[in-house]
Amino acid sequence: MIEVIERRNKPAGMPAGGLAPVMRFLAAGAVNTLLSIAVYQAALFVTGHVIAYVIAYAAGILFAYFAYARHVFNAPLSTRRFVVFALFYIASGCAGTLVNASLIEHLALHARIAIFVTVIIMLPLNYFGSLWCLRETRGQNQ
C-alpha cells in the first residue's frame, strides 16, 4: 500500500506548526500583558509612572521568557537565550518607557490610560523580537 503525504502550502513566514504557535504566542502575550498591566497599576500606588513601568516590565520579561520558550516556540531554556531575550526586552523596555512618558508628559494622557496605548505601540516590535531571540539557529541548540 502506498501512502500519500499531503503537504499543505503555507504562507511565507508561517511557523512550521501552522497557526498553533501564533495562537500560543498571542495567548501568552495576552497573559503577559495583563500581568504587566496589573503590576504597573499596583506599583502606581507607591511610585511614579516611570518606576512603575520599569517594575512591570521586569516582571513581564521573566514571565515572557519562560512562557514563550516553553509554551510557544518549544525552545530549550538556556542562559544564552535568556540573556539575548532579556537584552532585547531591556532595549524595548527603554523605548516603551520613552513612549509611555511621552504620552503622559507631552500628550497629557492619564498614566492609567497611557500604558494601554504604549502596549499597542510596542506590540509589533516585541512580537518580532521574541521570534528572533528564541529562534533555532543552525548548528546551535543553545
C-alpha atoms as a PDB file:
ATOM      1  CA  MET A   1       0.000   0.000   0.000  1.00  0.00           C
ATOM      2  CA  ILE A   2       1.317   3.453  -0.907  1.00  0.00           C
ATOM      3  CA  GLU A   3       0.775   6.293   1.483  1.00  0.00           C
ATOM      4  CA  VAL A   4       0.239   9.732   0.079  1.00  0.00           C
ATOM      5  CA  ILE A   5       1.531  12.527   2.240  1.00  0.00           C
ATOM      6  CA  GLU A   6      -0.470  15.656   1.776  1.00  0.00           C
ATOM      7  CA  ARG A   7       1.553  18.818   2.079  1.00  0.00           C
ATOM      8  CA  ARG A   8      -0.407  21.937   2.505  1.00  0.00           C
ATOM      9  CA  ASN A   9       1.064  25.123   1.198  1.00  0.00           C
ATOM     10  CA  LYS A  10       1.612  27.549   3.992  1.00  0.00           C
ATOM     11  CA  PRO A  11       2.123  31.277   3.622  1.00  0.00           C
ATOM     12  CA  ALA A  12       5.700  32.529   3.676  1.00  0.00           C
ATOM     13  CA  GLY A  13       6.872  33.182   7.203  1.00  0.00           C
ATOM     14  CA  MET A  14       4.261  30.888   8.729  1.00  0.00           C
ATOM     15  CA  PRO A  15       5.775  28.840  11.578  1.00  0.00           C
ATOM     16  CA  ALA A  16       6.274  25.117  10.981  1.00  0.00           C
ATOM     17  CA  GLY A  17       3.319  24.240  13.207  1.00  0.00           C
ATOM     18  CA  GLY A  18       0.870  26.412  11.262  1.00  0.00           C
ATOM     19  CA  LEU A  19      -1.260  28.819  13.238  1.00  0.00           C
ATOM     20  CA  ALA A  20      -0.883  26.989  16.559  1.00  0.00           C
ATOM     21  CA  PRO A  21       2.393  28.730  17.555  1.00  0.00           C
ATOM     22  CA  VAL A  22       0.935  32.094  16.542  1.00  0.00           C
ATOM     23  CA  MET A  23      -2.145  31.475  18.671  1.00  0.00           C
ATOM     24  CA  ARG A  24       0.012  30.330  21.615  1.00  0.00           C
ATOM     25  CA  PHE A  25       2.130  33.479  21.226  1.00  0.00           C
ATOM     26  CA  LEU A  26      -0.960  35.668  21.289  1.00  0.00           C
ATOM     27  CA  ALA A  27      -2.366  33.841  24.334  1.00  0.00           C
ATOM     28  CA  ALA A  28       0.930  34.003  26.253  1.00  0.00           C
ATOM     29  CA  GLY A  29       1.333  37.632  25.209  1.00  0.00           C
ATOM     30  CA  ALA A  30      -2.167  38.430  26.444  1.00  0.00           C
ATOM     31  CA  VAL A  31      -1.466  36.818  29.826  1.00  0.00           C
ATOM     32  CA  ASN A  32       1.891  38.622  29.995  1.00  0.00           C
ATOM     33  CA  THR A  33       0.261  41.935  29.085  1.00  0.00           C
ATOM     34  CA  LEU A  34      -2.422  41.523  31.755  1.00  0.00           C
ATOM     35  CA  LEU A  35       0.206  40.545  34.333  1.00  0.00           C
ATOM     36  CA  SER A  36       2.377  43.540  33.408  1.00  0.00           C
ATOM     37  CA  ILE A  37      -0.558  45.944  33.499  1.00  0.00           C
ATOM     38  CA  ALA A  38      -1.640  44.605  36.914  1.00  0.00           C
ATOM     39  CA  VAL A  39       1.887  45.049  38.277  1.00  0.00           C
ATOM     40  CA  TYR A  40       2.069  48.567  36.744  1.00  0.00           C
ATOM     41  CA  GLN A  41      -1.296  49.602  38.192  1.00  0.00           C
ATOM     42  CA  ALA A  42      -0.364  48.252  41.643  1.00  0.00           C
ATOM     43  CA  ALA A  43       3.062  49.930  41.547  1.00  0.00           C
ATOM     44  CA  LEU A  44       1.441  53.303  40.765  1.00  0.00           C
ATOM     45  CA  PHE A  45       0.088  53.298  44.338  1.00  0.00           C
ATOM     46  CA  VAL A  46       3.620  53.510  45.727  1.00  0.00           C
ATOM     47  CA  THR A  47       5.756  55.104  42.996  1.00  0.00           C
ATOM     48  CA  GLY A  48       5.669  57.283  39.892  1.00  0.00           C
ATOM     49  CA  HIS A  49       4.815  56.121  36.401  1.00  0.00           C
ATOM     50  CA  VAL A  50       8.400  55.608  35.146  1.00  0.00           C
ATOM     51  CA  ILE A  51       9.437  53.345  38.053  1.00  0.00           C
ATOM     52  CA  ALA A  52       6.077  51.551  37.897  1.00  0.00           C
ATOM     53  CA  TYR A  53       6.647  50.844  34.214  1.00  0.00           C
ATOM     54  CA  VAL A  54      10.166  49.502  34.867  1.00  0.00           C
ATOM     55  CA  ILE A  55       8.963  47.176  37.641  1.00  0.00           C
ATOM     56  CA  ALA A  56       6.118  45.881  35.492  1.00  0.00           C
ATOM     57  CA  TYR A  57       8.435  45.404  32.535  1.00  0.00           C
ATOM     58  CA  ALA A  58      10.943  43.370  34.579  1.00  0.00           C
ATOM     59  CA  ALA A  59       8.164  41.060  35.765  1.00  0.00           C
ATOM     60  CA  GLY A  60       6.986  40.740  32.171  1.00  0.00           C
ATOM     61  CA  ILE A  61      10.467  39.788  30.896  1.00  0.00           C
ATOM     62  CA  LEU A  62      10.731  36.907  33.350  1.00  0.00           C
ATOM     63  CA  PHE A  63       7.254  35.619  32.596  1.00  0.00           C
ATOM     64  CA  ALA A  64       7.625  36.057  28.823  1.00  0.00           C
ATOM     65  CA  TYR A  65      10.938  34.216  28.591  1.00  0.00           C
ATOM     66  CA  PHE A  66       9.587  31.097  30.260  1.00  0.00           C
ATOM     67  CA  ALA A  67       6.165  31.245  28.583  1.00  0.00           C
ATOM     68  CA  TYR A  68       7.464  31.908  25.070  1.00  0.00           C
ATOM     69  CA  ALA A  69      10.395  29.498  25.269  1.00  0.00           C
ATOM     70  CA  ARG A  70       8.476  26.581  26.779  1.00  0.00           C
ATOM     71  CA  HIS A  71       4.910  27.021  25.584  1.00  0.00           C
ATOM     72  CA  VAL A  72       5.129  28.950  22.325  1.00  0.00           C
ATOM     73  CA  PHE A  73       8.347  28.146  20.484  1.00  0.00           C
ATOM     74  CA  ASN A  74       9.330  24.964  22.348  1.00  0.00           C
ATOM     75  CA  ALA A  75      12.853  26.372  22.654  1.00  0.00           C
ATOM     76  CA  PRO A  76      15.205  24.921  25.227  1.00  0.00           C
ATOM     77  CA  LEU A  77      15.889  27.162  28.175  1.00  0.00           C
ATOM     78  CA  SER A  78      19.459  28.381  28.267  1.00  0.00           C
ATOM     79  CA  THR A  79      21.499  31.160  29.769  1.00  0.00           C
ATOM     80  CA  ARG A  80      22.444  32.424  26.296  1.00  0.00           C
ATOM     81  CA  ARG A  81      18.832  32.596  25.126  1.00  0.00           C
ATOM     82  CA  PHE A  82      17.740  34.282  28.333  1.00  0.00           C
ATOM     83  CA  VAL A  83      20.485  36.915  28.066  1.00  0.00           C
ATOM     84  CA  VAL A  84      19.634  37.684  24.413  1.00  0.00           C
ATOM     85  CA  PHE A  85      15.910  37.755  25.233  1.00  0.00           C
ATOM     86  CA  ALA A  86      16.415  39.949  28.312  1.00  0.00           C
ATOM     87  CA  LEU A  87      18.723  42.369  26.470  1.00  0.00           C
ATOM     88  CA  PHE A  88      16.223  42.721  23.644  1.00  0.00           C
ATOM     89  CA  TYR A  89      13.408  43.347  26.115  1.00  0.00           C
ATOM     90  CA  ILE A  90      15.514  45.809  28.115  1.00  0.00           C
ATOM     91  CA  ALA A  91      16.117  47.815  24.917  1.00  0.00           C
ATOM     92  CA  SER A  92      12.441  47.501  24.062  1.00  0.00           C
ATOM     93  CA  GLY A  93      11.549  48.500  27.634  1.00  0.00           C
ATOM     94  CA  CYS A  94      13.622  51.656  27.326  1.00  0.00           C
ATOM     95  CA  ALA A  95      11.771  52.507  24.129  1.00  0.00           C
ATOM     96  CA  GLY A  96       8.454  51.696  25.822  1.00  0.00           C
ATOM     97  CA  THR A  97       9.332  53.863  28.812  1.00  0.00           C
ATOM     98  CA  LEU A  98      10.010  56.783  26.489  1.00  0.00           C
ATOM     99  CA  VAL A  99       6.743  56.154  24.623  1.00  0.00           C
ATOM    100  CA  ASN A 100       4.789  55.897  27.897  1.00  0.00           C
ATOM    101  CA  ALA A 101       6.386  59.026  29.388  1.00  0.00           C
ATOM    102  CA  SER A 102       5.830  60.962  26.149  1.00  0.00           C
ATOM    103  CA  LEU A 103       2.170  60.004  26.079  1.00  0.00           C
ATOM    104  CA  ILE A 104       1.775  61.193  29.668  1.00  0.00           C
ATOM    105  CA  GLU A 105       4.013  64.252  29.704  1.00  0.00           C
ATOM    106  CA  HIS A 106       3.592  65.599  26.158  1.00  0.00           C
ATOM    107  CA  LEU A 107       0.187  64.352  25.048  1.00  0.00           C
ATOM    108  CA  ALA A 108      -1.406  64.690  28.514  1.00  0.00           C
ATOM    109  CA  LEU A 109      -2.763  61.140  28.642  1.00  0.00           C
ATOM    110  CA  HIS A 110      -3.522  59.936  32.152  1.00  0.00           C
ATOM    111  CA  ALA A 111      -0.880  57.472  33.441  1.00  0.00           C
ATOM    112  CA  ARG A 112      -3.537  54.764  33.929  1.00  0.00           C
ATOM    113  CA  ILE A 113      -4.579  55.067  30.270  1.00  0.00           C
ATOM    114  CA  ALA A 114      -1.164  55.640  28.695  1.00  0.00           C
ATOM    115  CA  ILE A 115       0.003  52.097  29.483  1.00  0.00           C
ATOM    116  CA  PHE A 116      -2.657  50.650  27.158  1.00  0.00           C
ATOM    117  CA  VAL A 117      -1.567  52.882  24.272  1.00  0.00           C
ATOM    118  CA  THR A 118       2.068  52.015  24.983  1.00  0.00           C
ATOM    119  CA  VAL A 119       1.270  48.287  24.786  1.00  0.00           C
ATOM    120  CA  ILE A 120      -0.411  48.734  21.393  1.00  0.00           C
ATOM    121  CA  ILE A 121       2.516  50.743  20.047  1.00  0.00           C
ATOM    122  CA  MET A 122       5.175  48.308  21.326  1.00  0.00           C
ATOM    123  CA  LEU A 123       3.397  45.048  20.402  1.00  0.00           C
ATOM    124  CA  PRO A 124       4.798  44.604  16.855  1.00  0.00           C
ATOM    125  CA  LEU A 125       8.378  45.267  17.983  1.00  0.00           C
ATOM    126  CA  ASN A 126       8.079  42.791  20.838  1.00  0.00           C
ATOM    127  CA  TYR A 127       6.421  40.137  18.673  1.00  0.00           C
ATOM    128  CA  PHE A 128       9.155  40.083  16.055  1.00  0.00           C
ATOM    129  CA  GLY A 129      11.895  40.483  18.641  1.00  0.00           C
ATOM    130  CA  SER A 130      10.668  37.425  20.551  1.00  0.00           C
ATOM    131  CA  LEU A 131      10.647  35.377  17.377  1.00  0.00           C
ATOM    132  CA  TRP A 132      14.211  36.447  16.638  1.00  0.00           C
ATOM    133  CA  CYS A 133      15.544  35.863  20.158  1.00  0.00           C
ATOM    134  CA  LEU A 134      14.099  32.367  20.570  1.00  0.00           C
ATOM    135  CA  ARG A 135      14.599  31.099  17.046  1.00  0.00           C
ATOM    136  CA  GLU A 136      16.626  27.973  16.428  1.00  0.00           C
ATOM    137  CA  THR A 137      19.980  28.814  14.883  1.00  0.00           C
ATOM    138  CA  ARG A 138      21.879  26.431  12.612  1.00  0.00           C
ATOM    139  CA  GLY A 139      24.265  24.145  14.425  1.00  0.00           C
ATOM    140  CA  GLN A 140      23.329  25.590  17.779  1.00  0.00           C
ATOM    141  CA  ASN A 141      20.934  24.149  20.317  1.00  0.00           C
ATOM    142  CA  GLN A 142      21.514  26.744  22.992  1.00  0.00           C
END
